[in-house]
C-alpha atoms as a PDB file:
ATOM      1  CA  MET A   1      -3.563  21.000  77.080  1.00  0.00           C
ATOM      2  CA  PHE A   2      -4.789  18.183  79.309  1.00  0.00           C
ATOM      3  CA  ARG A   3      -1.973  15.857  78.226  1.00  0.00           C
ATOM      4  CA  SER A   4       0.638  18.577  78.767  1.00  0.00           C
ATOM      5  CA  VAL A   5      -0.588  19.329  82.295  1.00  0.00           C
ATOM      6  CA  ARG A   6      -0.829  15.616  83.088  1.00  0.00           C
ATOM      7  CA  HIS A   7       2.811  15.033  82.095  1.00  0.00           C
ATOM      8  CA  MET A   8       3.896  18.005  84.206  1.00  0.00           C
ATOM      9  CA  ILE A   9       1.985  16.716  87.245  1.00  0.00           C
ATOM     10  CA  TYR A  10       3.615  13.293  86.847  1.00  0.00           C
ATOM     11  CA  ASP A  11       7.048  14.956  86.748  1.00  0.00           C
ATOM     12  CA  LEU A  12       6.272  17.032  89.852  1.00  0.00           C
ATOM     13  CA  ILE A  13       5.082  13.959  91.778  1.00  0.00           C
ATOM     14  CA  GLU A  14       8.288  12.109  90.922  1.00  0.00           C
ATOM     15  CA  TRP A  15      10.520  15.050  91.836  1.00  0.00           C
ATOM     16  CA  ARG A  16       8.610  15.590  95.107  1.00  0.00           C
ATOM     17  CA  SER A  17       9.318  11.973  96.054  1.00  0.00           C
ATOM     18  CA  GLN A  18      13.020  12.491  95.378  1.00  0.00           C
ATOM     19  CA  ILE A  19      13.091  15.638  97.519  1.00  0.00           C
ATOM     20  CA  LEU A  20      11.254  13.991 100.429  1.00  0.00           C
ATOM     21  CA  SER A  21      13.525  10.943 100.325  1.00  0.00           C
ATOM     22  CA  GLY A  22      16.364  12.989 101.857  1.00  0.00           C
ATOM     23  CA  THR A  23      18.995  11.065  99.933  1.00  0.00           C
ATOM     24  CA  LEU A  24      20.037  13.770  97.456  1.00  0.00           C
ATOM     25  CA  PRO A  25      23.266  15.758  97.966  1.00  0.00           C
ATOM     26  CA  GLN A  26      22.809  19.478  98.587  1.00  0.00           C
ATOM     27  CA  ASP A  27      23.906  20.565  95.125  1.00  0.00           C
ATOM     28  CA  GLU A  28      21.550  18.093  93.402  1.00  0.00           C
ATOM     29  CA  LEU A  29      18.736  19.053  95.782  1.00  0.00           C
ATOM     30  CA  LYS A  30      19.197  22.727  94.935  1.00  0.00           C
ATOM     31  CA  GLU A  31      19.134  22.035  91.195  1.00  0.00           C
ATOM     32  CA  LEU A  32      16.066  19.837  91.551  1.00  0.00           C
ATOM     33  CA  LYS A  33      14.186  22.553  93.457  1.00  0.00           C
ATOM     34  CA  LYS A  34      14.970  25.025  90.684  1.00  0.00           C
ATOM     35  CA  LYS A  35      13.681  22.506  88.189  1.00  0.00           C
ATOM     36  CA  VAL A  36      10.458  22.107  90.185  1.00  0.00           C
ATOM     37  CA  THR A  37       9.814  25.829  90.467  1.00  0.00           C
ATOM     38  CA  ALA A  38      10.556  26.330  86.755  1.00  0.00           C
ATOM     39  CA  LYS A  39       8.052  23.602  85.892  1.00  0.00           C
ATOM     40  CA  ILE A  40       5.404  25.152  88.169  1.00  0.00           C
ATOM     41  CA  ASP A  41       5.917  28.610  86.680  1.00  0.00           C
ATOM     42  CA  TYR A  42       5.710  27.177  83.172  1.00  0.00           C
ATOM     43  CA  GLY A  43       2.490  25.350  84.013  1.00  0.00           C
ATOM     44  CA  ASN A  44       0.952  28.483  85.510  1.00  0.00           C
ATOM     45  CA  ARG A  45       1.826  30.379  82.349  1.00  0.00           C
ATOM     46  CA  ILE A  46       0.192  27.990  79.879  1.00  0.00           C
ATOM     47  CA  LEU A  47      -2.889  27.847  82.143  1.00  0.00           C
ATOM     48  CA  ASP A  48      -3.056  31.670  82.250  1.00  0.00           C
ATOM     49  CA  LEU A  49      -2.572  31.728  86.030  1.00  0.00           C
ATOM     50  CA  ASP A  50      -0.711  34.353  88.040  1.00  0.00           C
ATOM     51  CA  LEU A  51       3.080  34.377  87.828  1.00  0.00           C
ATOM     52  CA  VAL A  52       4.766  33.649  91.161  1.00  0.00           C
ATOM     53  CA  VAL A  53       7.840  35.827  91.777  1.00  0.00           C
ATOM     54  CA  ARG A  54      10.764  33.967  93.352  1.00  0.00           C
ATOM     55  CA  ASP A  55      14.317  34.589  94.463  1.00  0.00           C
ATOM     56  CA  GLU A  56      17.420  32.859  93.075  1.00  0.00           C
ATOM     57  CA  ASP A  57      16.833  29.804  95.290  1.00  0.00           C
ATOM     58  CA  GLY A  58      13.234  29.399  94.084  1.00  0.00           C
ATOM     59  CA  ASN A  59      11.632  30.725  97.269  1.00  0.00           C
ATOM     60  CA  ILE A  60       8.538  32.927  96.904  1.00  0.00           C
ATOM     61  CA  LEU A  61       9.354  36.581  97.583  1.00  0.00           C
ATOM     62  CA  ASP A  62       7.465  38.171 100.462  1.00  0.00           C
ATOM     63  CA  PRO A  63       5.968  41.495  99.251  1.00  0.00           C
ATOM     64  CA  GLU A  64       6.022  42.769 102.835  1.00  0.00           C
ATOM     65  CA  GLN A  65       9.791  42.442 103.047  1.00  0.00           C
ATOM     66  CA  THR A  66      10.759  43.128  99.397  1.00  0.00           C
ATOM     67  CA  SER A  67      10.891  46.533  97.776  1.00  0.00           C
ATOM     68  CA  THR A  68       8.666  47.389  94.835  1.00  0.00           C
ATOM     69  CA  ILE A  69      11.638  47.796  92.493  1.00  0.00           C
ATOM     70  CA  SER A  70      13.062  44.412  93.513  1.00  0.00           C
ATOM     71  CA  LEU A  71       9.673  42.792  92.945  1.00  0.00           C
ATOM     72  CA  PHE A  72       9.396  44.409  89.524  1.00  0.00           C
ATOM     73  CA  ARG A  73      12.884  43.260  88.463  1.00  0.00           C
ATOM     74  CA  ALA A  74      12.244  39.739  89.751  1.00  0.00           C
ATOM     75  CA  HIS A  75       8.948  39.690  87.852  1.00  0.00           C
ATOM     76  CA  GLU A  76      10.707  40.753  84.650  1.00  0.00           C
ATOM     77  CA  ILE A  77      13.331  38.019  85.032  1.00  0.00           C
ATOM     78  CA  ALA A  78      10.688  35.360  85.743  1.00  0.00           C
ATOM     79  CA  SER A  79       8.560  36.447  82.756  1.00  0.00           C
ATOM     80  CA  LYS A  80      11.581  36.342  80.454  1.00  0.00           C
ATOM     81  CA  GLN A  81      12.523  32.846  81.592  1.00  0.00           C
ATOM     82  CA  VAL A  82       8.989  31.537  81.080  1.00  0.00           C
ATOM     83  CA  GLU A  83       8.743  33.127  77.624  1.00  0.00           C
ATOM     84  CA  GLU A  84      12.078  31.580  76.631  1.00  0.00           C
ATOM     85  CA  ARG A  85      10.771  28.197  77.749  1.00  0.00           C
ATOM     86  CA  LEU A  86       7.579  28.676  75.706  1.00  0.00           C
ATOM     87  CA  GLN A  87       9.572  29.594  72.603  1.00  0.00           C
ATOM     88  CA  GLU A  88      11.815  26.572  73.124  1.00  0.00           C
ATOM     89  CA  GLU A  89       8.792  24.254  73.398  1.00  0.00           C
ATOM     90  CA  LYS A  90       7.244  25.814  70.286  1.00  0.00           C
ATOM     91  CA  SER A  91      10.476  25.424  68.330  1.00  0.00           C
ATOM     92  CA  GLN A  92      10.824  21.777  69.348  1.00  0.00           C
ATOM     93  CA  LYS A  93       7.237  21.049  68.293  1.00  0.00           C
ATOM     94  CA  GLN A  94       7.787  22.702  64.913  1.00  0.00           C
ATOM     95  CA  ASN A  95      10.950  20.642  64.368  1.00  0.00           C
ATOM     96  CA  ILE A  96       9.073  17.445  65.221  1.00  0.00           C
ATOM     97  CA  ASP A  97       6.277  18.338  62.780  1.00  0.00           C
ATOM     98  CA  ILE A  98       8.789  19.137  60.034  1.00  0.00           C
ATOM     99  CA  ASN A  99      10.667  15.872  60.588  1.00  0.00           C
ATOM    100  CA  ARG A 100       7.402  13.916  60.587  1.00  0.00           C
ATOM    101  CA  GLN A 101       6.248  15.513  57.337  1.00  0.00           C
ATOM    102  CA  ALA A 102       9.642  14.862  55.744  1.00  0.00           C
ATOM    103  CA  LYS A 103       9.465  11.235  56.838  1.00  0.00           C
ATOM    104  CA  PHE A 104       5.984  10.839  55.366  1.00  0.00           C
ATOM    105  CA  ALA A 105       7.060  12.504  52.128  1.00  0.00           C
ATOM    106  CA  ALA A 106      10.070  10.203  51.800  1.00  0.00           C
ATOM    107  CA  THR A 107       7.938   7.088  52.253  1.00  0.00           C
ATOM    108  CA  PRO A 108       6.134   6.180  49.009  1.00  0.00           C
ATOM    109  CA  SER A 109       3.240   4.185  50.463  1.00  0.00           C
ATOM    110  CA  PHE A 110       1.894   2.341  53.498  1.00  0.00           C
ATOM    111  CA  ALA A 111      -0.296  -0.716  54.003  1.00  0.00           C
ATOM    112  CA  LEU A 112      -2.897  -1.921  56.505  1.00  0.00           C
ATOM    113  CA  PHE A 113      -3.106  -5.662  57.231  1.00  0.00           C
ATOM    114  CA  VAL A 114      -6.547  -7.081  58.164  1.00  0.00           C
ATOM    115  CA  ASN A 115      -7.224 -10.597  59.454  1.00  0.00           C
ATOM    116  CA  LEU A 116     -10.920 -11.561  59.683  1.00  0.00           C
ATOM    117  CA  LYS A 117     -11.451 -14.098  62.470  1.00  0.00           C
ATOM    118  CA  ASN A 118     -15.240 -14.437  62.595  1.00  0.00           C
ATOM    119  CA  VAL A 119     -18.539 -12.696  61.878  1.00  0.00           C
ATOM    120  CA  VAL A 120     -20.677 -12.819  65.009  1.00  0.00           C
ATOM    121  CA  CYS A 121     -23.993 -11.691  63.578  1.00  0.00           C
ATOM    122  CA  LYS A 122     -27.217 -13.708  63.311  1.00  0.00           C
ATOM    123  CA  ILE A 123     -28.202 -13.146  59.691  1.00  0.00           C
ATOM    124  CA  GLY A 124     -30.318 -16.170  58.762  1.00  0.00           C
ATOM    125  CA  GLU A 125     -29.219 -16.202  55.118  1.00  0.00           C
ATOM    126  CA  ASP A 126     -26.113 -15.905  53.028  1.00  0.00           C
ATOM    127  CA  ALA A 127     -24.365 -12.557  53.285  1.00  0.00           C
ATOM    128  CA  GLU A 128     -21.551 -10.465  51.921  1.00  0.00           C
ATOM    129  CA  VAL A 129     -19.141  -8.811  54.335  1.00  0.00           C
ATOM    130  CA  LEU A 130     -17.437  -5.720  52.923  1.00  0.00           C
ATOM    131  CA  MET A 131     -14.584  -3.987  54.733  1.00  0.00           C
ATOM    132  CA  SER A 132     -13.076  -0.651  53.730  1.00  0.00           C
ATOM    133  CA  LEU A 133     -11.421   2.544  54.983  1.00  0.00           C
ATOM    134  CA  TYR A 134     -13.531   5.673  55.382  1.00  0.00           C
ATOM    135  CA  ASP A 135     -12.837   9.365  55.990  1.00  0.00           C
ATOM    136  CA  PRO A 136     -15.696  10.682  58.197  1.00  0.00           C
ATOM    137  CA  LEU A 137     -14.721  14.325  57.720  1.00  0.00           C
ATOM    138  CA  GLU A 138     -14.880  14.128  53.933  1.00  0.00           C
ATOM    139  CA  SER A 139     -17.752  11.586  54.057  1.00  0.00           C
ATOM    140  CA  LYS A 140     -16.167   9.243  51.525  1.00  0.00           C
ATOM    141  CA  PHE A 141     -14.442   5.877  51.284  1.00  0.00           C
ATOM    142  CA  ILE A 142     -10.712   6.038  50.599  1.00  0.00           C
ATOM    143  CA  SER A 143     -10.101   2.396  49.693  1.00  0.00           C
ATOM    144  CA  GLU A 144     -11.613  -0.464  47.752  1.00  0.00           C
ATOM    145  CA  ASN A 145     -13.744  -3.086  49.502  1.00  0.00           C
ATOM    146  CA  TYR A 146     -12.404  -6.352  50.860  1.00  0.00           C
ATOM    147  CA  LEU A 147     -15.254  -8.799  50.178  1.00  0.00           C
ATOM    148  CA  VAL A 148     -15.928 -12.031  52.075  1.00  0.00           C
ATOM    149  CA  ARG A 149     -18.948 -14.164  51.203  1.00  0.00           C
ATOM    150  CA  TRP A 150     -20.484 -15.613  54.366  1.00  0.00           C
ATOM    151  CA  SER A 151     -22.898 -18.551  54.413  1.00  0.00           C
ATOM    152  CA  SER A 152     -26.081 -18.945  56.465  1.00  0.00           C
ATOM    153  CA  CYS A 153     -24.283 -21.667  58.456  1.00  0.00           C
ATOM    154  CA  GLY A 154     -21.939 -19.107  59.997  1.00  0.00           C
ATOM    155  CA  LEU A 155     -18.886 -20.053  57.905  1.00  0.00           C
ATOM    156  CA  PRO A 156     -17.198 -18.616  54.828  1.00  0.00           C
ATOM    157  CA  LYS A 157     -18.742 -19.702  51.530  1.00  0.00           C
ATOM    158  CA  ASP A 158     -15.271 -20.731  50.427  1.00  0.00           C
ATOM    159  CA  ILE A 159     -14.587 -23.187  53.227  1.00  0.00           C
ATOM    160  CA  ASP A 160     -10.975 -23.602  52.112  1.00  0.00           C
ATOM    161  CA  ARG A 161     -10.322 -20.049  53.280  1.00  0.00           C
ATOM    162  CA  LEU A 162     -11.464 -20.744  56.844  1.00  0.00           C
ATOM    163  CA  HIS A 163      -8.973 -19.155  59.315  1.00  0.00           C
ATOM    164  CA  ASN A 164      -7.203 -17.628  56.319  1.00  0.00           C
ATOM    165  CA  LEU A 165      -9.305 -14.530  55.622  1.00  0.00           C
ATOM    166  CA  ARG A 166      -6.580 -11.937  55.242  1.00  0.00           C
ATOM    167  CA  ALA A 167      -6.302  -8.762  53.214  1.00  0.00           C
ATOM    168  CA  VAL A 168      -3.866  -5.875  52.811  1.00  0.00           C
ATOM    169  CA  PHE A 169      -5.014  -2.332  52.058  1.00  0.00           C
ATOM    170  CA  THR A 170      -2.093  -1.054  49.998  1.00  0.00           C
ATOM    171  CA  ASP A 171      -0.980   2.247  48.495  1.00  0.00           C
ATOM    172  CA  LEU A 172      -1.887   4.354  51.514  1.00  0.00           C
ATOM    173  CA  GLY A 173       0.250   7.417  50.910  1.00  0.00           C
ATOM    174  CA  SER A 174       1.370  10.255  53.166  1.00  0.00           C
ATOM    175  CA  LYS A 175      -1.828  12.142  52.304  1.00  0.00           C
ATOM    176  CA  ASP A 176      -3.877   9.371  53.908  1.00  0.00           C
ATOM    177  CA  LEU A 177      -1.749   9.372  57.076  1.00  0.00           C
ATOM    178  CA  LYS A 178      -2.209  13.126  57.388  1.00  0.00           C
ATOM    179  CA  ARG A 179      -5.981  12.753  57.511  1.00  0.00           C
ATOM    180  CA  GLU A 180      -7.383  13.899  60.832  1.00  0.00           C
ATOM    181  CA  LYS A 181      -9.695  10.886  61.116  1.00  0.00           C
ATOM    182  CA  ILE A 182      -9.780   7.452  59.460  1.00  0.00           C
ATOM    183  CA  SER A 183     -12.355   4.770  60.247  1.00  0.00           C
ATOM    184  CA  PHE A 184     -12.471   1.067  59.439  1.00  0.00           C
ATOM    185  CA  VAL A 185     -16.009   0.263  58.260  1.00  0.00           C
ATOM    186  CA  CYS A 186     -17.608  -3.158  57.909  1.00  0.00           C
ATOM    187  CA  GLN A 187     -20.851  -3.486  55.929  1.00  0.00           C
ATOM    188  CA  ILE A 188     -23.059  -6.597  55.909  1.00  0.00           C
ATOM    189  CA  VAL A 189     -25.330  -7.222  52.937  1.00  0.00           C
ATOM    190  CA  ARG A 190     -27.914 -10.005  53.162  1.00  0.00           C
ATOM    191  CA  VAL A 191     -28.289 -12.083  50.002  1.00  0.00           C
ATOM    192  CA  GLY A 192     -31.574 -13.947  49.602  1.00  0.00           C
ATOM    193  CA  ARG A 193     -35.286 -13.235  49.960  1.00  0.00           C
ATOM    194  CA  MET A 194     -36.839  -9.808  49.986  1.00  0.00           C
ATOM    195  CA  GLU A 195     -38.192 -10.461  53.477  1.00  0.00           C
ATOM    196  CA  LEU A 196     -36.848 -13.019  55.921  1.00  0.00           C
ATOM    197  CA  ARG A 197     -40.407 -13.896  56.970  1.00  0.00           C
ATOM    198  CA  ASP A 198     -41.534 -14.529  53.377  1.00  0.00           C
ATOM    199  CA  ASN A 199     -42.703 -18.171  53.568  1.00  0.00           C
ATOM    200  CA  ASN A 200     -45.114 -18.011  50.653  1.00  0.00           C
ATOM    201  CA  THR A 201     -43.472 -20.163  47.974  1.00  0.00           C
ATOM    202  CA  ARG A 202     -45.417 -18.411  45.217  1.00  0.00           C
ATOM    203  CA  LYS A 203     -43.839 -15.083  46.175  1.00  0.00           C
ATOM    204  CA  LEU A 204     -40.480 -16.511  47.169  1.00  0.00           C
ATOM    205  CA  THR A 205     -37.540 -14.565  45.778  1.00  0.00           C
ATOM    206  CA  SER A 206     -33.836 -15.285  45.941  1.00  0.00           C
ATOM    207  CA  GLY A 207     -30.490 -13.665  45.269  1.00  0.00           C
ATOM    208  CA  LEU A 208     -31.576 -10.163  46.293  1.00  0.00           C
ATOM    209  CA  ARG A 209     -28.966  -8.015  48.033  1.00  0.00           C
ATOM    210  CA  ARG A 210     -30.392  -6.116  51.004  1.00  0.00           C
ATOM    211  CA  PRO A 211     -28.464  -3.942  53.519  1.00  0.00           C
ATOM    212  CA  PHE A 212     -28.396  -5.707  56.877  1.00  0.00           C
ATOM    213  CA  GLY A 213     -25.916  -3.972  59.170  1.00  0.00           C
ATOM    214  CA  VAL A 214     -22.861  -1.777  59.480  1.00  0.00           C
ATOM    215  CA  ALA A 215     -20.124  -1.282  62.066  1.00  0.00           C
ATOM    216  CA  GLY A 216     -17.192   1.082  62.327  1.00  0.00           C
ATOM    217  CA  ASN A 217     -14.071   1.580  64.384  1.00  0.00           C
ATOM    218  CA  SER A 218     -11.932   4.714  64.457  1.00  0.00           C
ATOM    219  CA  LEU A 219      -8.281   4.053  63.588  1.00  0.00           C
ATOM    220  CA  ARG A 220      -7.177   7.559  64.574  1.00  0.00           C
END
């Protein structure tokens, strides 16, 4: 609703500027005024505001100088025009949805390309960085993990892959694109001692995987 009203306000501001410029011929000016009044009446209707009754030129009818029957007939005509506009908008939206669904159905699969630049996180030990796609509404992951092993020095364990940490999430079908929400989740798992502050060599452990952090970003 907000986006619809915003677009209508932008249109009205632009048309108002054209009217105030005084450069339009009379016939174009008359058509533009009708367009403005039609847009205002349509906006009032979707916002459940009162319908303004107008004459053929778009001027508001004065109830003090217009008969009751004339007001009633003008109100009927205005209501019919607004309803026709609503049905037209609804039909166009349905056609767009149908075309979009047909397009998704005709496309076998989609892919998401990910390029990891850096991991800015002070870990203190080696870590594993896992990236995946997640559906927050269904509370489940919808892809496999892309795993990058990160060293305590702040560089990839496989130094040959520096600046070349790329992955493609493939086989994302139309069902995935129809999901209401999809998030990109990054999990960091620390690999090393049980406790970072464990300095006692007799109790020193290594190679343990401990959750360290998680981050997410909504894709839609």
